[in-house]
Amino acid sequence: MEAITIWIVAGILAIVLLSQAIFVVRQHERGVVASFGRYSRTVEPGLTFIFPFVQTLERVDMRETVLDVMPQEVITEDNVVVTVDAVIYFEVTDPFRRVYNVTDFQIAAMKLAQTNLRNVIGGLELDATLTSRETINAQLRTILDDATDRWGVRVTRVEIKRIDPPRDITEAMSRQMKAERNKRAAILDAEGVRESAILQAEGERRAAILEAEGKAQAIREVADAEKFREVAVAEGQAQAIVNVYQAIHEGDPTHDLLAIKYLETLQRMANGRATKIFLPIEASGVLSGVAAMADAFEEGRTTPPDDSRFDEEA
């Protein structure tokens, strides 16, 4: 019975010793081994054996971690109180310094971030604070990264989640933005009206130019047609004169016939209401011909015609 009890106690002690001697370090972790409280080594992921009650092992998470900085009130350079909330992204680069150089890294990093938020935002005015988040993020990351380097931690990013001004400042900014939007809308409306007027004037000018060009083209075409018609009429009249001239010469008219035709032409030209004065070029010859015809008519009235003379002429 005593032997069984001893074996049971020995088995329990063996289990306890094994549980204290065998550790499994996961892939995203590193193990810091200390012997009697003094740093011994850093172990990689996998199965690790240590001496129970002599050595201890502390796991360190190497993954990137997010630290939420509590909201705090900060006074800007122009004496406006704003509430700032931020987050910090960090990762461990040296497990030894992470374990032995800082007691509680998260609390230390949070306090450091709050202090530097006051310093950075306190040097900016409200408008710059609201519009320069990227600049604030970069400055905070540089400051925190330099400060946490001795802790074996690298700050990868710092993000400002929100910056809340007081309510009255927010309402004033809202009215300012509304006025600015109304101003831009009025400017856009004016520019639209101006562009519309310019386009309309340009269209009217173009239409007037096209209309003038069309009228000029029509006038040229009418002038060309009139010129062609006049040329055709002149050519026809010239051909008619040539035909009459040829017919007259081929018919061999006498002076008496020409004088009669001349008088008939004068009679037709004298018809009308307007007063006309004719000055024939060969007035003396025409009058002499008219006198000769008058004498011939008088002789014909007093003296009977001589048939023998006509027979001879025939």
C-alpha atoms as a PDB file:
ATOM      1  CA  MET A   1       0.000   0.000   0.000  1.00  0.00           C
ATOM      2  CA  GLU A   2       2.811   2.397   0.858  1.00  0.00           C
ATOM      3  CA  ALA A   3       4.573   1.509  -2.407  1.00  0.00           C
ATOM      4  CA  ILE A   4       1.457   2.397  -4.393  1.00  0.00           C
ATOM      5  CA  THR A   5       1.226   5.730  -2.612  1.00  0.00           C
ATOM      6  CA  ILE A   6       4.869   6.487  -3.354  1.00  0.00           C
ATOM      7  CA  TRP A   7       4.365   5.663  -7.030  1.00  0.00           C
ATOM      8  CA  ILE A   8       1.322   7.900  -7.180  1.00  0.00           C
ATOM      9  CA  VAL A   9       3.169  10.784  -5.559  1.00  0.00           C
ATOM     10  CA  ALA A  10       6.134  10.231  -7.896  1.00  0.00           C
ATOM     11  CA  GLY A  11       3.819  10.279 -10.908  1.00  0.00           C
ATOM     12  CA  ILE A  12       2.212  13.522  -9.782  1.00  0.00           C
ATOM     13  CA  LEU A  13       5.617  15.120  -9.234  1.00  0.00           C
ATOM     14  CA  ALA A  14       6.736  13.950 -12.697  1.00  0.00           C
ATOM     15  CA  ILE A  15       3.653  15.471 -14.301  1.00  0.00           C
ATOM     16  CA  VAL A  16       4.226  18.750 -12.481  1.00  0.00           C
ATOM     17  CA  LEU A  17       7.902  18.797 -13.457  1.00  0.00           C
ATOM     18  CA  LEU A  18       7.095  18.064 -17.089  1.00  0.00           C
ATOM     19  CA  SER A  19       4.454  20.789 -17.173  1.00  0.00           C
ATOM     20  CA  GLN A  20       7.023  23.223 -15.859  1.00  0.00           C
ATOM     21  CA  ALA A  21       9.798  21.996 -18.154  1.00  0.00           C
ATOM     22  CA  ILE A  22       8.028  21.702 -21.540  1.00  0.00           C
ATOM     23  CA  PHE A  23       6.655  24.767 -23.344  1.00  0.00           C
ATOM     24  CA  VAL A  24       5.228  25.269 -26.851  1.00  0.00           C
ATOM     25  CA  VAL A  25       6.020  28.641 -28.422  1.00  0.00           C
ATOM     26  CA  ARG A  26       3.608  29.464 -31.231  1.00  0.00           C
ATOM     27  CA  GLN A  27       4.576  30.898 -34.616  1.00  0.00           C
ATOM     28  CA  HIS A  28       3.690  34.518 -33.814  1.00  0.00           C
ATOM     29  CA  GLU A  29       5.497  34.405 -30.458  1.00  0.00           C
ATOM     30  CA  ARG A  30       9.020  34.480 -29.106  1.00  0.00           C
ATOM     31  CA  GLY A  31      10.103  33.099 -25.707  1.00  0.00           C
ATOM     32  CA  VAL A  32      12.375  34.946 -23.277  1.00  0.00           C
ATOM     33  CA  VAL A  33      14.110  32.450 -20.900  1.00  0.00           C
ATOM     34  CA  ALA A  34      15.550  33.617 -17.581  1.00  0.00           C
ATOM     35  CA  SER A  35      17.639  31.557 -15.146  1.00  0.00           C
ATOM     36  CA  PHE A  36      17.176  32.592 -11.510  1.00  0.00           C
ATOM     37  CA  GLY A  37      15.753  35.891 -12.795  1.00  0.00           C
ATOM     38  CA  ARG A  38      18.661  36.606 -15.146  1.00  0.00           C
ATOM     39  CA  TYR A  39      18.183  36.699 -18.943  1.00  0.00           C
ATOM     40  CA  SER A  40      19.373  33.465 -20.503  1.00  0.00           C
ATOM     41  CA  ARG A  41      18.206  33.260 -24.095  1.00  0.00           C
ATOM     42  CA  THR A  42      15.402  33.974 -26.601  1.00  0.00           C
ATOM     43  CA  VAL A  43      13.738  30.899 -28.061  1.00  0.00           C
ATOM     44  CA  GLU A  44      12.108  30.573 -31.461  1.00  0.00           C
ATOM     45  CA  PRO A  45       8.674  29.038 -32.158  1.00  0.00           C
ATOM     46  CA  GLY A  46       8.395  25.333 -31.420  1.00  0.00           C
ATOM     47  CA  LEU A  47       8.843  22.904 -28.491  1.00  0.00           C
ATOM     48  CA  THR A  48      11.147  24.254 -25.762  1.00  0.00           C
ATOM     49  CA  PHE A  49      12.600  22.583 -22.642  1.00  0.00           C
ATOM     50  CA  ILE A  50      13.704  24.487 -19.536  1.00  0.00           C
ATOM     51  CA  PHE A  51      14.779  23.496 -16.036  1.00  0.00           C
ATOM     52  CA  PRO A  52      11.783  23.611 -13.716  1.00  0.00           C
ATOM     53  CA  PHE A  53      11.988  25.967 -10.738  1.00  0.00           C
ATOM     54  CA  VAL A  54      15.301  27.225 -12.064  1.00  0.00           C
ATOM     55  CA  GLN A  55      14.318  28.823 -15.346  1.00  0.00           C
ATOM     56  CA  THR A  56      11.219  30.732 -16.416  1.00  0.00           C
ATOM     57  CA  LEU A  57       9.830  31.469 -19.877  1.00  0.00           C
ATOM     58  CA  GLU A  58       7.797  34.546 -20.868  1.00  0.00           C
ATOM     59  CA  ARG A  59       6.036  34.631 -24.225  1.00  0.00           C
ATOM     60  CA  VAL A  60       6.108  37.847 -26.292  1.00  0.00           C
ATOM     61  CA  ASP A  61       3.534  38.435 -29.083  1.00  0.00           C
ATOM     62  CA  MET A  62       5.300  39.660 -32.239  1.00  0.00           C
ATOM     63  CA  ARG A  63       2.162  40.552 -34.169  1.00  0.00           C
ATOM     64  CA  GLU A  64       1.108  44.129 -34.958  1.00  0.00           C
ATOM     65  CA  THR A  65      -1.151  45.399 -32.199  1.00  0.00           C
ATOM     66  CA  VAL A  66      -3.647  48.252 -32.012  1.00  0.00           C
ATOM     67  CA  LEU A  67      -3.671  50.559 -29.021  1.00  0.00           C
ATOM     68  CA  ASP A  68      -6.683  52.840 -28.591  1.00  0.00           C
ATOM     69  CA  VAL A  69      -5.756  56.195 -27.052  1.00  0.00           C
ATOM     70  CA  MET A  70      -8.514  57.487 -24.800  1.00  0.00           C
ATOM     71  CA  PRO A  71     -10.240  60.728 -25.949  1.00  0.00           C
ATOM     72  CA  GLN A  72      -8.845  63.832 -24.352  1.00  0.00           C
ATOM     73  CA  GLU A  73      -9.341  67.579 -24.564  1.00  0.00           C
ATOM     74  CA  VAL A  74      -6.614  69.600 -26.245  1.00  0.00           C
ATOM     75  CA  ILE A  75      -6.315  73.388 -26.559  1.00  0.00           C
ATOM     76  CA  THR A  76      -5.265  74.640 -29.999  1.00  0.00           C
ATOM     77  CA  GLU A  77      -3.017  77.618 -30.639  1.00  0.00           C
ATOM     78  CA  ASP A  78      -6.036  79.911 -31.118  1.00  0.00           C
ATOM     79  CA  ASN A  79      -7.465  78.816 -27.720  1.00  0.00           C
ATOM     80  CA  VAL A  80     -10.164  76.446 -28.943  1.00  0.00           C
ATOM     81  CA  VAL A  81     -10.771  73.308 -26.904  1.00  0.00           C
ATOM     82  CA  VAL A  82     -11.144  70.208 -29.085  1.00  0.00           C
ATOM     83  CA  THR A  83     -11.623  66.558 -28.190  1.00  0.00           C
ATOM     84  CA  VAL A  84      -9.114  64.257 -29.894  1.00  0.00           C
ATOM     85  CA  ASP A  85      -9.268  60.480 -30.243  1.00  0.00           C
ATOM     86  CA  ALA A  86      -6.490  58.415 -31.820  1.00  0.00           C
ATOM     87  CA  VAL A  87      -5.226  54.869 -32.332  1.00  0.00           C
ATOM     88  CA  ILE A  88      -1.640  53.559 -32.439  1.00  0.00           C
ATOM     89  CA  TYR A  89      -0.390  50.545 -34.411  1.00  0.00           C
ATOM     90  CA  PHE A  90       2.842  48.963 -33.124  1.00  0.00           C
ATOM     91  CA  GLU A  91       4.831  45.729 -33.325  1.00  0.00           C
ATOM     92  CA  VAL A  92       7.608  44.232 -31.176  1.00  0.00           C
ATOM     93  CA  THR A  93      11.051  44.150 -32.774  1.00  0.00           C
ATOM     94  CA  ASP A  94      13.183  42.992 -29.775  1.00  0.00           C
ATOM     95  CA  PRO A  95      11.600  40.625 -27.201  1.00  0.00           C
ATOM     96  CA  PHE A  96      14.413  41.187 -24.706  1.00  0.00           C
ATOM     97  CA  ARG A  97      13.964  44.974 -24.533  1.00  0.00           C
ATOM     98  CA  ARG A  98      10.187  44.596 -24.659  1.00  0.00           C
ATOM     99  CA  VAL A  99      10.340  42.473 -21.433  1.00  0.00           C
ATOM    100  CA  TYR A 100      13.160  44.154 -19.511  1.00  0.00           C
ATOM    101  CA  ASN A 101      13.046  47.844 -20.524  1.00  0.00           C
ATOM    102  CA  VAL A 102       9.401  48.697 -19.781  1.00  0.00           C
ATOM    103  CA  THR A 103       6.977  47.471 -17.172  1.00  0.00           C
ATOM    104  CA  ASP A 104       3.681  47.896 -19.038  1.00  0.00           C
ATOM    105  CA  PHE A 105       4.191  48.971 -22.607  1.00  0.00           C
ATOM    106  CA  GLN A 106       0.540  49.729 -23.396  1.00  0.00           C
ATOM    107  CA  ILE A 107       0.093  52.151 -20.508  1.00  0.00           C
ATOM    108  CA  ALA A 108       3.432  53.802 -21.271  1.00  0.00           C
ATOM    109  CA  ALA A 109       2.588  54.162 -24.975  1.00  0.00           C
ATOM    110  CA  MET A 110      -0.885  55.581 -24.206  1.00  0.00           C
ATOM    111  CA  LYS A 111       0.472  58.228 -21.852  1.00  0.00           C
ATOM    112  CA  LEU A 112       3.210  59.100 -24.313  1.00  0.00           C
ATOM    113  CA  ALA A 113       0.665  59.467 -27.133  1.00  0.00           C
ATOM    114  CA  GLN A 114      -1.613  61.697 -25.050  1.00  0.00           C
ATOM    115  CA  THR A 115       1.252  63.989 -24.094  1.00  0.00           C
ATOM    116  CA  ASN A 116       2.507  64.367 -27.643  1.00  0.00           C
ATOM    117  CA  LEU A 117      -1.026  64.919 -28.960  1.00  0.00           C
ATOM    118  CA  ARG A 118      -1.244  67.978 -26.704  1.00  0.00           C
ATOM    119  CA  ASN A 119       2.129  69.203 -27.923  1.00  0.00           C
ATOM    120  CA  VAL A 120       1.457  68.733 -31.650  1.00  0.00           C
ATOM    121  CA  ILE A 121      -2.138  70.010 -31.768  1.00  0.00           C
ATOM    122  CA  GLY A 122      -1.344  72.805 -29.324  1.00  0.00           C
ATOM    123  CA  GLY A 123       0.974  74.298 -31.932  1.00  0.00           C
ATOM    124  CA  LEU A 124      -1.736  74.419 -34.642  1.00  0.00           C
ATOM    125  CA  GLU A 125      -4.782  76.587 -35.135  1.00  0.00           C
ATOM    126  CA  LEU A 126      -8.244  75.033 -35.381  1.00  0.00           C
ATOM    127  CA  ASP A 127      -8.499  75.181 -39.186  1.00  0.00           C
ATOM    128  CA  ALA A 128      -5.042  73.653 -39.582  1.00  0.00           C
ATOM    129  CA  THR A 129      -5.914  70.980 -37.027  1.00  0.00           C
ATOM    130  CA  LEU A 130      -9.032  69.956 -38.944  1.00  0.00           C
ATOM    131  CA  THR A 131      -7.329  69.932 -42.343  1.00  0.00           C
ATOM    132  CA  SER A 132      -3.886  68.557 -41.434  1.00  0.00           C
ATOM    133  CA  ARG A 133      -4.596  65.108 -40.057  1.00  0.00           C
ATOM    134  CA  GLU A 134      -1.962  63.492 -42.242  1.00  0.00           C
ATOM    135  CA  THR A 135       0.659  65.920 -40.926  1.00  0.00           C
ATOM    136  CA  ILE A 136      -0.373  65.275 -37.326  1.00  0.00           C
ATOM    137  CA  ASN A 137      -0.285  61.513 -37.898  1.00  0.00           C
ATOM    138  CA  ALA A 138       3.208  61.673 -39.379  1.00  0.00           C
ATOM    139  CA  GLN A 139       4.568  63.855 -36.549  1.00  0.00           C
ATOM    140  CA  LEU A 140       3.086  61.639 -33.851  1.00  0.00           C
ATOM    141  CA  ARG A 141       4.392  58.466 -35.479  1.00  0.00           C
ATOM    142  CA  THR A 142       7.912  59.898 -35.688  1.00  0.00           C
ATOM    143  CA  ILE A 143       7.874  61.036 -32.052  1.00  0.00           C
ATOM    144  CA  LEU A 144       6.420  57.782 -30.692  1.00  0.00           C
ATOM    145  CA  ASP A 145       8.686  55.617 -32.823  1.00  0.00           C
ATOM    146  CA  ASP A 146      11.785  57.398 -31.509  1.00  0.00           C
ATOM    147  CA  ALA A 147      10.557  57.121 -27.919  1.00  0.00           C
ATOM    148  CA  THR A 148       9.557  53.441 -28.087  1.00  0.00           C
ATOM    149  CA  ASP A 149      12.652  52.254 -29.905  1.00  0.00           C
ATOM    150  CA  ARG A 150      14.463  51.634 -26.585  1.00  0.00           C
ATOM    151  CA  TRP A 151      11.488  49.483 -25.535  1.00  0.00           C
ATOM    152  CA  GLY A 152      12.009  47.144 -28.496  1.00  0.00           C
ATOM    153  CA  VAL A 153       8.805  48.340 -30.176  1.00  0.00           C
ATOM    154  CA  ARG A 154       8.283  49.996 -33.550  1.00  0.00           C
ATOM    155  CA  VAL A 155       5.281  52.281 -34.077  1.00  0.00           C
ATOM    156  CA  THR A 156       4.019  51.596 -37.609  1.00  0.00           C
ATOM    157  CA  ARG A 157       1.072  53.998 -37.819  1.00  0.00           C
ATOM    158  CA  VAL A 158      -0.783  56.645 -35.870  1.00  0.00           C
ATOM    159  CA  GLU A 159      -4.324  57.579 -36.940  1.00  0.00           C
ATOM    160  CA  ILE A 160      -6.453  60.436 -35.619  1.00  0.00           C
ATOM    161  CA  LYS A 161      -9.973  59.002 -35.453  1.00  0.00           C
ATOM    162  CA  ARG A 162     -11.831  62.239 -34.745  1.00  0.00           C
ATOM    163  CA  ILE A 163     -11.336  65.861 -33.740  1.00  0.00           C
ATOM    164  CA  ASP A 164     -14.474  67.373 -32.221  1.00  0.00           C
ATOM    165  CA  PRO A 165     -14.606  71.183 -31.783  1.00  0.00           C
ATOM    166  CA  PRO A 166     -17.140  72.761 -29.377  1.00  0.00           C
ATOM    167  CA  ARG A 167     -20.768  72.969 -30.467  1.00  0.00           C
ATOM    168  CA  ASP A 168     -20.779  76.718 -31.088  1.00  0.00           C
ATOM    169  CA  ILE A 169     -17.635  76.434 -33.221  1.00  0.00           C
ATOM    170  CA  THR A 170     -19.234  73.585 -35.164  1.00  0.00           C
ATOM    171  CA  GLU A 171     -22.360  75.636 -35.844  1.00  0.00           C
ATOM    172  CA  ALA A 172     -20.272  78.623 -36.973  1.00  0.00           C
ATOM    173  CA  MET A 173     -18.261  76.385 -39.285  1.00  0.00           C
ATOM    174  CA  SER A 174     -21.495  74.930 -40.649  1.00  0.00           C
ATOM    175  CA  ARG A 175     -22.804  78.410 -41.453  1.00  0.00           C
ATOM    176  CA  GLN A 176     -19.481  79.317 -43.031  1.00  0.00           C
ATOM    177  CA  MET A 177     -19.492  76.209 -45.226  1.00  0.00           C
ATOM    178  CA  LYS A 178     -23.109  76.884 -46.228  1.00  0.00           C
ATOM    179  CA  ALA A 179     -22.226  80.452 -47.227  1.00  0.00           C
ATOM    180  CA  GLU A 180     -19.233  79.173 -49.168  1.00  0.00           C
ATOM    181  CA  ARG A 181     -21.388  76.641 -50.990  1.00  0.00           C
ATOM    182  CA  ASN A 182     -23.967  79.321 -51.808  1.00  0.00           C
ATOM    183  CA  LYS A 183     -21.166  81.529 -53.111  1.00  0.00           C
ATOM    184  CA  ARG A 184     -19.829  78.745 -55.328  1.00  0.00           C
ATOM    185  CA  ALA A 185     -23.368  78.008 -56.562  1.00  0.00           C
ATOM    186  CA  ALA A 186     -23.904  81.686 -57.443  1.00  0.00           C
ATOM    187  CA  ILE A 187     -20.562  81.781 -59.246  1.00  0.00           C
ATOM    188  CA  LEU A 188     -21.412  78.633 -61.180  1.00  0.00           C
ATOM    189  CA  ASP A 189     -24.835  80.044 -62.120  1.00  0.00           C
ATOM    190  CA  ALA A 190     -23.233  83.293 -63.316  1.00  0.00           C
ATOM    191  CA  GLU A 191     -20.648  81.385 -65.313  1.00  0.00           C
ATOM    192  CA  GLY A 192     -23.404  79.256 -66.824  1.00  0.00           C
ATOM    193  CA  VAL A 193     -25.398  82.335 -67.850  1.00  0.00           C
ATOM    194  CA  ARG A 194     -22.268  83.919 -69.298  1.00  0.00           C
ATOM    195  CA  GLU A 195     -21.343  80.805 -71.249  1.00  0.00           C
ATOM    196  CA  SER A 196     -24.924  80.540 -72.512  1.00  0.00           C
ATOM    197  CA  ALA A 197     -24.906  84.184 -73.647  1.00  0.00           C
ATOM    198  CA  ILE A 198     -21.549  83.703 -75.346  1.00  0.00           C
ATOM    199  CA  LEU A 199     -22.744  80.572 -77.132  1.00  0.00           C
ATOM    200  CA  GLN A 200     -25.990  82.284 -78.166  1.00  0.00           C
ATOM    201  CA  ALA A 201     -24.131  85.333 -79.485  1.00  0.00           C
ATOM    202  CA  GLU A 202     -21.692  83.075 -81.301  1.00  0.00           C
ATOM    203  CA  GLY A 203     -24.591  81.152 -82.831  1.00  0.00           C
ATOM    204  CA  GLU A 204     -26.345  84.335 -83.924  1.00  0.00           C
ATOM    205  CA  ARG A 205     -23.131  85.691 -85.399  1.00  0.00           C
ATOM    206  CA  ARG A 206     -22.552  82.460 -87.253  1.00  0.00           C
ATOM    207  CA  ALA A 207     -26.143  82.442 -88.504  1.00  0.00           C
ATOM    208  CA  ALA A 208     -25.816  86.062 -89.683  1.00  0.00           C
ATOM    209  CA  ILE A 209     -22.582  85.215 -91.480  1.00  0.00           C
ATOM    210  CA  LEU A 210     -24.170  82.213 -93.174  1.00  0.00           C
ATOM    211  CA  GLU A 211     -27.241  84.262 -94.120  1.00  0.00           C
ATOM    212  CA  ALA A 212     -25.062  87.046 -95.560  1.00  0.00           C
ATOM    213  CA  GLU A 213     -22.992  84.494 -97.463  1.00  0.00           C
ATOM    214  CA  GLY A 214     -26.210  82.935 -98.787  1.00  0.00           C
ATOM    215  CA  LYS A 215     -27.560  86.302 -99.890  1.00  0.00           C
ATOM    216  CA  ALA A 216     -24.246  87.201-101.521  1.00  0.00           C
ATOM    217  CA  GLN A 217     -24.221  83.867-103.319  1.00  0.00           C
ATOM    218  CA  ALA A 218     -27.819  84.390-104.456  1.00  0.00           C
ATOM    219  CA  ILE A 219     -26.971  87.915-105.686  1.00  0.00           C
ATOM    220  CA  ARG A 220     -23.994  86.560-107.594  1.00  0.00           C
ATOM    221  CA  GLU A 221     -26.105  83.823-109.120  1.00  0.00           C
ATOM    222  CA  VAL A 222     -28.864  86.326-110.081  1.00  0.00           C
ATOM    223  CA  ALA A 223     -26.237  88.694-111.522  1.00  0.00           C
ATOM    224  CA  ASP A 224     -24.702  85.846-113.485  1.00  0.00           C
ATOM    225  CA  ALA A 225     -28.128  84.812-114.766  1.00  0.00           C
ATOM    226  CA  GLU A 226     -29.014  88.433-115.685  1.00  0.00           C
ATOM    227  CA  LYS A 227     -25.681  88.861-117.386  1.00  0.00           C
ATOM    228  CA  PHE A 228     -26.199  85.626-119.285  1.00  0.00           C
ATOM    229  CA  ARG A 229     -29.703  86.746-120.268  1.00  0.00           C
ATOM    230  CA  GLU A 230     -28.470  90.170-121.411  1.00  0.00           C
ATOM    231  CA  VAL A 231     -25.688  88.552-123.384  1.00  0.00           C
ATOM    232  CA  ALA A 232     -28.178  86.150-124.945  1.00  0.00           C
ATOM    233  CA  VAL A 233     -30.589  89.038-125.742  1.00  0.00           C
ATOM    234  CA  ALA A 234     -27.748  91.137-127.159  1.00  0.00           C
ATOM    235  CA  GLU A 235     -26.551  88.237-129.251  1.00  0.00           C
ATOM    236  CA  GLY A 236     -30.130  87.673-130.439  1.00  0.00           C
ATOM    237  CA  GLN A 237     -30.585  91.363-131.285  1.00  0.00           C
ATOM    238  CA  ALA A 238     -27.224  91.431-132.991  1.00  0.00           C
ATOM    239  CA  GLN A 239     -28.156  88.373-135.007  1.00  0.00           C
ATOM    240  CA  ALA A 240     -31.534  89.932-135.809  1.00  0.00           C
ATOM    241  CA  ILE A 241     -29.823  93.166-136.960  1.00  0.00           C
ATOM    242  CA  VAL A 242     -27.429  91.143-139.073  1.00  0.00           C
ATOM    243  CA  ASN A 243     -30.335  89.228-140.576  1.00  0.00           C
ATOM    244  CA  VAL A 244     -32.264  92.449-141.284  1.00  0.00           C
ATOM    245  CA  TYR A 245     -29.158  94.057-142.685  1.00  0.00           C
ATOM    246  CA  GLN A 246     -28.522  91.105-144.947  1.00  0.00           C
ATOM    247  CA  ALA A 247     -32.165  90.987-145.998  1.00  0.00           C
ATOM    248  CA  ILE A 248     -32.151  94.711-146.773  1.00  0.00           C
ATOM    249  CA  HIS A 249     -29.015  94.438-148.886  1.00  0.00           C
ATOM    250  CA  GLU A 250     -30.182  91.341-150.593  1.00  0.00           C
ATOM    251  CA  GLY A 251     -33.541  93.009-151.370  1.00  0.00           C
ATOM    252  CA  ASP A 252     -31.758  96.135-152.745  1.00  0.00           C
ATOM    253  CA  PRO A 253     -34.361  98.696-151.508  1.00  0.00           C
ATOM    254  CA  THR A 254     -34.736 102.124-153.093  1.00  0.00           C
ATOM    255  CA  HIS A 255     -34.318 105.423-151.309  1.00  0.00           C
ATOM    256  CA  ASP A 256     -38.033 106.019-151.432  1.00  0.00           C
ATOM    257  CA  LEU A 257     -38.726 102.808-149.572  1.00  0.00           C
ATOM    258  CA  LEU A 258     -36.111 103.604-146.967  1.00  0.00           C
ATOM    259  CA  ALA A 259     -37.576 107.042-146.438  1.00  0.00           C
ATOM    260  CA  ILE A 260     -41.068 105.589-145.940  1.00  0.00           C
ATOM    261  CA  LYS A 261     -39.769 103.032-143.432  1.00  0.00           C
ATOM    262  CA  TYR A 262     -37.916 105.773-141.625  1.00  0.00           C
ATOM    263  CA  LEU A 263     -41.071 107.854-141.324  1.00  0.00           C
ATOM    264  CA  GLU A 264     -43.060 104.885-140.083  1.00  0.00           C
ATOM    265  CA  THR A 265     -40.420 104.209-137.436  1.00  0.00           C
ATOM    266  CA  LEU A 266     -40.549 107.817-136.299  1.00  0.00           C
ATOM    267  CA  GLN A 267     -44.305 107.583-136.014  1.00  0.00           C
ATOM    268  CA  ARG A 268     -44.097 104.500-133.780  1.00  0.00           C
ATOM    269  CA  MET A 269     -41.408 106.098-131.614  1.00  0.00           C
ATOM    270  CA  ALA A 270     -43.519 109.237-131.185  1.00  0.00           C
ATOM    271  CA  ASN A 271     -46.459 107.264-129.731  1.00  0.00           C
ATOM    272  CA  GLY A 272     -46.803 107.807-125.982  1.00  0.00           C
ATOM    273  CA  ARG A 273     -47.486 110.473-123.422  1.00  0.00           C
ATOM    274  CA  ALA A 274     -43.954 111.730-122.926  1.00  0.00           C
ATOM    275  CA  THR A 275     -42.680 114.645-124.938  1.00  0.00           C
ATOM    276  CA  LYS A 276     -39.992 113.548-127.378  1.00  0.00           C
ATOM    277  CA  ILE A 277     -37.637 115.501-129.617  1.00  0.00           C
ATOM    278  CA  PHE A 278     -35.937 113.635-132.444  1.00  0.00           C
ATOM    279  CA  LEU A 279     -32.891 114.957-134.249  1.00  0.00           C
ATOM    280  CA  PRO A 280     -32.140 112.641-137.127  1.00  0.00           C
ATOM    281  CA  ILE A 281     -28.512 112.373-138.102  1.00  0.00           C
ATOM    282  CA  GLU A 282     -29.129 112.917-141.828  1.00  0.00           C
ATOM    283  CA  ALA A 283     -32.019 115.378-141.529  1.00  0.00           C
ATOM    284  CA  SER A 284     -31.207 117.220-144.753  1.00  0.00           C
ATOM    285  CA  GLY A 285     -31.140 114.042-146.815  1.00  0.00           C
ATOM    286  CA  VAL A 286     -34.343 112.798-145.270  1.00  0.00           C
ATOM    287  CA  LEU A 287     -36.102 116.114-145.836  1.00  0.00           C
ATOM    288  CA  SER A 288     -34.952 116.248-149.417  1.00  0.00           C
ATOM    289  CA  GLY A 289     -36.302 112.739-149.899  1.00  0.00           C
ATOM    290  CA  VAL A 290     -39.562 113.740-148.287  1.00  0.00           C
ATOM    291  CA  ALA A 291     -39.765 116.825-150.575  1.00  0.00           C
ATOM    292  CA  ALA A 292     -39.079 114.684-153.617  1.00  0.00           C
ATOM    293  CA  MET A 293     -41.853 112.284-152.596  1.00  0.00           C
ATOM    294  CA  ALA A 294     -44.181 115.223-152.019  1.00  0.00           C
ATOM    295  CA  ASP A 295     -43.444 116.566-155.499  1.00  0.00           C
ATOM    296  CA  ALA A 296     -43.995 113.145-156.946  1.00  0.00           C
ATOM    297  CA  PHE A 297     -47.367 112.894-155.259  1.00  0.00           C
ATOM    298  CA  GLU A 298     -48.384 116.360-156.506  1.00  0.00           C
ATOM    299  CA  GLU A 299     -47.425 115.464-160.060  1.00  0.00           C
ATOM    300  CA  GLY A 300     -49.368 112.262-159.729  1.00  0.00           C
ATOM    301  CA  ARG A 301     -52.436 114.201-158.744  1.00  0.00           C
ATOM    302  CA  THR A 302     -52.265 116.758-161.613  1.00  0.00           C
ATOM    303  CA  THR A 303     -50.800 114.701-164.396  1.00  0.00           C
ATOM    304  CA  PRO A 304     -52.145 111.361-165.385  1.00  0.00           C
ATOM    305  CA  PRO A 305     -49.717 108.581-165.227  1.00  0.00           C
ATOM    306  CA  ASP A 306     -47.758 107.735-168.308  1.00  0.00           C
ATOM    307  CA  ASP A 307     -48.162 104.048-168.909  1.00  0.00           C
ATOM    308  CA  SER A 308     -45.502 103.956-171.539  1.00  0.00           C
ATOM    309  CA  ARG A 309     -42.908 105.126-169.047  1.00  0.00           C
ATOM    310  CA  PHE A 310     -43.755 102.335-166.689  1.00  0.00           C
ATOM    311  CA  ASP A 311     -43.629  99.919-169.563  1.00  0.00           C
ATOM    312  CA  GLU A 312     -40.181 101.086-170.448  1.00  0.00           C
ATOM    313  CA  GLU A 313     -38.983 100.761-166.879  1.00  0.00           C
ATOM    314  CA  ALA A 314     -40.397  97.307-166.689  1.00  0.00           C
END
